[in-house]
Amino acid sequence: MILGEYATAEAIESMRHRLGLDRSLWEQFIGFVHNFFTHGDTGVSIVFETSSRELIAERAPVTLLLIAMTCLFSIIVSLVLATLAATHKDGLLDHIIRILPAVTLGMPIFWVGLLLILVFSVRLRWFPVGGVGEGWLGILYSLALPAITVGLSQIPSLVRSLRAQMLEVLESDFVVTLKAAGIPGWVILVKHVLRNSALPALMLLGVNIAYLMGGTLVIEQVFGLKGIGSLLFSAISNRDFPVIQGIALYCAISVVIIGFVIEVASGYLDPRTKGEQ
């Protein structure tokens, strides 16, 4: 594929030697593992002829910032909606909050993105149609609509989980005691109810972030963002295996790191999860 359709046998053999394909599978695997752990690299890109690590590092900031903005948007909206739903149990507001976010669950994320582009970019012109702006403000502004798009797919499950836990905590004995002691309702809600309700939602958020790694890759294509997603699609189209392997490995490592961070955060929210000292 690199040399073209009419490559000579000598050129093919020379290329096999340069790529290390003439070595045994064990030698290739050991060399691959050694190169990854010493240089953080999975090989030289077949298409770009440069280190896969450099290509991923160049595109990673856009994807990581998009995931961070998505998480921030999802957490803020979920907290507000879940709190309103729990404090207005079985009321009209509760039913609306439980129904409306769930509508997005049945919609493909790329289709939601296209709808938001048509409404907020083409018609209202509040956001750019695609691409990444210049400067920090320009970058944040251009990533706002993609972050909202991905966040809409995460909010329903977070709201449902957090609302259920908050209702359970609101009916617990210690909350009744705090109310009887005359402590303001907002203090009880923020300091005690939210903290005791957040752990299951936090664990769910950790799982969702792992799915965000895949969701943002699709959205990057819809909004024309030069992130890891566009690099992955390009690598798949051109069978650029070193880049595909690198993206897969770094995504897997990111999921492990996210799981560790969630464990630490859960220990802070509920010291009982740390186990006996």
Protein backbone atom coordinates (compact mmCIF):
# COMPACT_ATOMS: atom_id res chain seq x y z
CA MET A 1 0.00 0.00 0.00
CA ILE A 2 2.84 2.40 0.79
CA LEU A 3 4.82 1.69 -2.37
CA GLY A 4 1.87 1.64 -4.73
CA GLU A 5 0.40 -0.96 -7.09
CA TYR A 6 3.47 -1.38 -9.33
CA ALA A 7 6.17 -1.75 -6.69
CA THR A 8 9.02 -4.12 -7.49
CA ALA A 9 9.81 -7.18 -5.38
CA GLU A 10 13.06 -5.56 -4.23
CA ALA A 11 11.25 -2.43 -3.07
CA ILE A 12 8.67 -4.51 -1.20
CA GLU A 13 11.37 -6.55 0.52
CA SER A 14 13.24 -3.37 1.46
CA MET A 15 10.06 -1.88 2.91
CA ARG A 16 9.33 -5.07 4.88
CA HIS A 17 12.81 -4.84 6.39
CA ARG A 18 12.40 -1.14 7.23
CA LEU A 19 9.06 -1.82 8.97
CA GLY A 20 10.47 -4.87 10.76
CA LEU A 21 7.96 -7.23 9.13
CA ASP A 22 10.71 -9.70 8.23
CA ARG A 23 11.27 -10.48 11.92
CA SER A 24 9.37 -13.14 13.87
CA LEU A 25 6.08 -12.20 15.52
CA TRP A 26 7.63 -12.45 19.00
CA GLU A 27 10.44 -10.10 18.04
CA GLN A 28 7.96 -7.64 16.55
CA PHE A 29 5.76 -7.80 19.66
CA ILE A 30 8.65 -7.33 22.09
CA GLY A 31 9.94 -4.42 20.04
CA PHE A 32 6.45 -2.89 19.97
CA VAL A 33 6.04 -3.16 23.76
CA HIS A 34 9.55 -1.84 24.42
CA ASN A 35 9.00 1.13 22.10
CA PHE A 36 5.66 1.95 23.72
CA PHE A 37 6.91 1.86 27.31
CA THR A 38 10.15 3.72 26.58
CA HIS A 39 8.89 6.31 24.09
CA GLY A 40 5.09 6.17 24.44
CA ASP A 41 4.98 5.39 20.73
CA THR A 42 3.25 2.68 18.68
CA GLY A 43 5.26 3.18 15.54
CA VAL A 44 5.67 5.53 12.60
CA SER A 45 2.51 6.58 10.78
CA ILE A 46 2.23 4.94 7.36
CA VAL A 47 0.49 7.98 5.87
CA PHE A 48 2.18 10.92 7.63
CA GLU A 49 5.58 9.21 8.13
CA THR A 50 5.94 10.64 11.61
CA SER A 51 5.64 9.33 15.15
CA SER A 52 2.10 8.27 16.09
CA ARG A 53 2.73 9.77 19.52
CA GLU A 54 3.39 13.19 18.01
CA LEU A 55 0.24 12.97 15.87
CA ILE A 56 -1.92 12.02 18.86
CA ALA A 57 -0.33 14.67 21.10
CA GLU A 58 -1.04 17.31 18.45
CA ARG A 59 -4.75 16.41 18.24
CA ALA A 60 -5.37 15.43 21.89
CA PRO A 61 -5.93 18.94 23.40
CA VAL A 62 -9.08 19.55 21.32
CA THR A 63 -10.59 16.18 22.27
CA LEU A 64 -9.66 16.44 25.96
CA LEU A 65 -11.05 19.97 26.21
CA LEU A 66 -14.27 18.84 24.51
CA ILE A 67 -14.65 15.97 27.01
CA ALA A 68 -13.96 18.33 29.94
CA MET A 69 -16.53 20.84 28.71
CA THR A 70 -19.06 18.05 28.15
CA CYS A 71 -18.56 16.76 31.70
CA LEU A 72 -18.89 20.24 33.17
CA PHE A 73 -22.08 20.95 31.22
CA SER A 74 -23.56 17.54 32.09
CA ILE A 75 -22.78 17.87 35.82
CA ILE A 76 -24.18 21.40 36.18
CA VAL A 77 -27.39 20.69 34.25
CA SER A 78 -27.90 17.30 35.95
CA LEU A 79 -27.46 18.79 39.43
CA VAL A 80 -29.98 21.54 38.74
CA LEU A 81 -32.57 19.28 37.13
CA ALA A 82 -32.22 16.47 39.67
CA THR A 83 -32.50 18.91 42.59
CA LEU A 84 -35.63 20.54 41.14
CA ALA A 85 -37.18 17.14 40.43
CA ALA A 86 -36.42 15.75 43.89
CA THR A 87 -37.68 18.84 45.73
CA HIS A 88 -40.89 18.83 43.65
CA LYS A 89 -41.57 15.10 43.83
CA ASP A 90 -44.58 13.94 41.75
CA GLY A 91 -45.33 17.54 40.76
CA LEU A 92 -45.63 18.95 37.27
CA LEU A 93 -42.00 20.12 37.27
CA ASP A 94 -40.84 16.67 38.33
CA HIS A 95 -42.73 14.98 35.49
CA ILE A 96 -41.43 17.47 32.91
CA ILE A 97 -37.83 17.00 34.04
CA ARG A 98 -38.19 13.22 33.94
CA ILE A 99 -39.72 13.19 30.45
CA LEU A 100 -37.94 15.89 28.45
CA PRO A 101 -34.28 14.84 28.95
CA ALA A 102 -35.20 11.23 28.16
CA VAL A 103 -36.28 12.29 24.67
CA THR A 104 -32.65 12.66 23.61
CA LEU A 105 -31.89 9.05 24.58
CA GLY A 106 -33.64 7.80 21.45
CA MET A 107 -31.80 10.16 19.13
CA PRO A 108 -28.46 9.30 17.49
CA ILE A 109 -25.83 11.71 18.73
CA PHE A 110 -24.72 12.73 15.22
CA TRP A 111 -28.34 13.54 14.30
CA VAL A 112 -28.72 15.72 17.40
CA GLY A 113 -25.54 17.51 16.38
CA LEU A 114 -26.87 18.19 12.89
CA LEU A 115 -30.14 19.54 14.32
CA LEU A 116 -28.30 21.88 16.70
CA ILE A 117 -26.11 23.11 13.84
CA LEU A 118 -29.19 23.88 11.73
CA VAL A 119 -30.93 25.74 14.56
CA PHE A 120 -28.16 27.50 16.49
CA SER A 121 -25.51 27.91 13.79
CA VAL A 122 -27.33 28.24 10.46
CA ARG A 123 -30.60 29.90 11.56
CA LEU A 124 -29.75 31.82 14.75
CA ARG A 125 -25.99 32.15 14.07
CA TRP A 126 -25.15 31.91 17.76
CA PHE A 127 -22.33 29.41 17.23
CA PRO A 128 -19.92 28.61 14.39
CA VAL A 129 -20.91 25.81 12.05
CA GLY A 130 -17.65 23.95 12.57
CA GLY A 131 -13.93 24.15 13.12
CA VAL A 132 -11.90 25.45 16.06
CA GLY A 133 -11.48 29.17 16.73
CA GLU A 134 -8.29 31.02 17.63
CA GLY A 135 -7.28 31.93 21.16
CA TRP A 136 -8.75 30.46 24.34
CA LEU A 137 -12.05 32.30 24.02
CA GLY A 138 -12.37 31.31 20.37
CA ILE A 139 -11.62 27.68 21.17
CA LEU A 140 -14.12 27.54 24.05
CA TYR A 141 -16.75 29.29 21.94
CA SER A 142 -16.34 26.88 19.02
CA LEU A 143 -16.45 23.82 21.31
CA ALA A 144 -19.56 24.95 23.21
CA LEU A 145 -22.13 23.51 20.80
CA PRO A 146 -20.32 20.15 20.38
CA ALA A 147 -20.07 19.88 24.17
CA ILE A 148 -23.80 20.57 24.54
CA THR A 149 -24.53 17.96 21.87
CA VAL A 150 -22.59 15.21 23.64
CA GLY A 151 -23.83 16.36 27.06
CA LEU A 152 -27.47 15.93 26.03
CA SER A 153 -26.85 12.21 25.68
CA GLN A 154 -25.37 11.96 29.20
CA ILE A 155 -27.81 14.10 31.18
CA PRO A 156 -30.86 11.76 31.28
CA SER A 157 -29.08 8.88 33.04
CA LEU A 158 -27.34 11.23 35.48
CA VAL A 159 -30.58 13.02 36.34
CA ARG A 160 -32.42 9.75 36.89
CA SER A 161 -29.69 8.34 39.14
CA LEU A 162 -29.17 11.52 41.16
CA ARG A 163 -32.92 12.16 41.59
CA ALA A 164 -33.51 8.63 42.93
CA GLN A 165 -30.67 8.94 45.44
CA MET A 166 -31.75 12.40 46.56
CA LEU A 167 -35.31 11.20 47.22
CA GLU A 168 -33.92 8.36 49.30
CA VAL A 169 -31.70 10.67 51.33
CA LEU A 170 -34.45 13.28 51.79
CA GLU A 171 -36.60 10.63 53.45
CA SER A 172 -33.84 9.40 55.76
CA ASP A 173 -33.94 9.93 59.53
CA PHE A 174 -30.93 12.23 59.78
CA VAL A 175 -32.49 14.71 57.31
CA VAL A 176 -35.69 14.76 59.38
CA THR A 177 -33.58 15.43 62.47
CA LEU A 178 -31.75 18.29 60.74
CA LYS A 179 -35.06 19.84 59.72
CA ALA A 180 -36.37 19.53 63.27
CA ALA A 181 -33.23 21.28 64.52
CA GLY A 182 -34.17 24.33 62.46
CA ILE A 183 -31.30 24.15 59.96
CA PRO A 184 -32.19 26.00 56.71
CA GLY A 185 -33.41 23.78 53.92
CA TRP A 186 -30.80 24.92 51.40
CA VAL A 187 -27.99 24.11 53.85
CA ILE A 188 -29.38 20.60 54.34
CA LEU A 189 -29.77 20.17 50.61
CA VAL A 190 -26.31 21.37 49.61
CA LYS A 191 -24.21 20.16 52.52
CA HIS A 192 -25.86 16.87 53.38
CA VAL A 193 -28.31 15.64 50.75
CA LEU A 194 -26.20 16.30 47.65
CA ARG A 195 -23.04 14.88 49.18
CA ASN A 196 -24.77 11.68 50.31
CA SER A 197 -26.52 11.33 46.95
CA ALA A 198 -23.61 12.06 44.65
CA LEU A 199 -21.67 8.80 44.95
CA PRO A 200 -23.81 6.57 42.64
CA ALA A 201 -24.10 9.43 40.13
CA LEU A 202 -20.33 9.93 40.30
CA MET A 203 -19.72 6.25 39.54
CA LEU A 204 -22.16 6.50 36.65
CA LEU A 205 -20.35 9.60 35.40
CA GLY A 206 -17.09 7.67 35.40
CA VAL A 207 -18.65 5.00 33.18
CA ASN A 208 -20.17 7.67 30.93
CA ILE A 209 -16.80 9.39 30.50
CA ALA A 210 -15.47 6.14 29.06
CA TYR A 211 -18.33 6.22 26.54
CA LEU A 212 -17.58 9.89 25.89
CA MET A 213 -14.26 8.82 24.42
CA GLY A 214 -16.27 7.23 21.61
CA GLY A 215 -19.07 9.80 21.46
CA THR A 216 -16.75 12.74 20.96
CA LEU A 217 -14.96 10.96 18.11
CA VAL A 218 -18.19 10.95 16.10
CA ILE A 219 -19.11 14.53 17.05
CA GLU A 220 -15.70 15.76 15.93
CA GLN A 221 -16.56 14.57 12.44
CA VAL A 222 -19.96 16.31 12.52
CA PHE A 223 -18.49 19.65 13.63
CA GLY A 224 -15.28 19.41 11.64
CA LEU A 225 -12.99 19.47 14.68
CA LYS A 226 -9.33 18.52 14.24
CA GLY A 227 -9.16 16.22 17.23
CA ILE A 228 -8.37 12.58 17.84
CA GLY A 229 -11.66 11.60 16.21
CA SER A 230 -10.79 13.00 12.81
CA LEU A 231 -7.31 11.47 13.11
CA LEU A 232 -8.83 8.07 13.91
CA PHE A 233 -11.24 8.18 10.97
CA SER A 234 -8.39 9.19 8.68
CA ALA A 235 -6.20 6.37 10.01
CA ILE A 236 -8.97 3.79 9.54
CA SER A 237 -9.66 4.98 5.99
CA ASN A 238 -5.97 4.70 5.09
CA ARG A 239 -5.28 1.56 7.15
CA ASP A 240 -2.70 3.46 9.18
CA PHE A 241 -2.35 0.74 11.80
CA PRO A 242 0.30 2.34 14.08
CA VAL A 243 -1.93 5.40 14.59
CA ILE A 244 -5.03 3.25 15.18
CA GLN A 245 -3.14 1.19 17.77
CA GLY A 246 -1.84 4.32 19.46
CA ILE A 247 -5.28 5.91 19.77
CA ALA A 248 -6.77 2.66 21.09
CA LEU A 249 -4.03 2.27 23.71
CA TYR A 250 -4.14 5.88 24.88
CA CYS A 251 -7.94 5.75 25.14
CA ALA A 252 -7.67 2.57 27.22
CA ILE A 253 -5.10 4.20 29.53
CA SER A 254 -7.35 7.25 29.88
CA VAL A 255 -10.26 5.05 30.97
CA VAL A 256 -8.06 3.44 33.64
CA ILE A 257 -6.92 6.85 34.91
CA ILE A 258 -10.52 8.10 35.00
CA GLY A 259 -11.51 5.02 37.03
CA PHE A 260 -8.73 5.76 39.52
CA VAL A 261 -9.80 9.41 39.86
CA ILE A 262 -13.41 8.33 40.44
CA GLU A 263 -12.28 5.93 43.17
CA VAL A 264 -10.37 8.70 44.93
CA ALA A 265 -13.31 11.10 44.62
CA SER A 266 -15.75 8.48 45.93
CA GLY A 267 -13.54 7.98 48.98
CA TYR A 268 -13.71 11.71 49.65
CA LEU A 269 -17.50 11.82 49.31
CA ASP A 270 -18.08 8.70 51.40
CA PRO A 271 -15.16 7.66 53.66
CA ARG A 272 -16.87 4.29 54.21
CA THR A 273 -15.85 3.27 50.68
CA LYS A 274 -12.18 3.37 51.73
CA GLY A 275 -12.69 0.30 53.90
CA GLU A 276 -11.18 -0.34 57.31
CA GLN A 277 -7.91 1.37 58.07
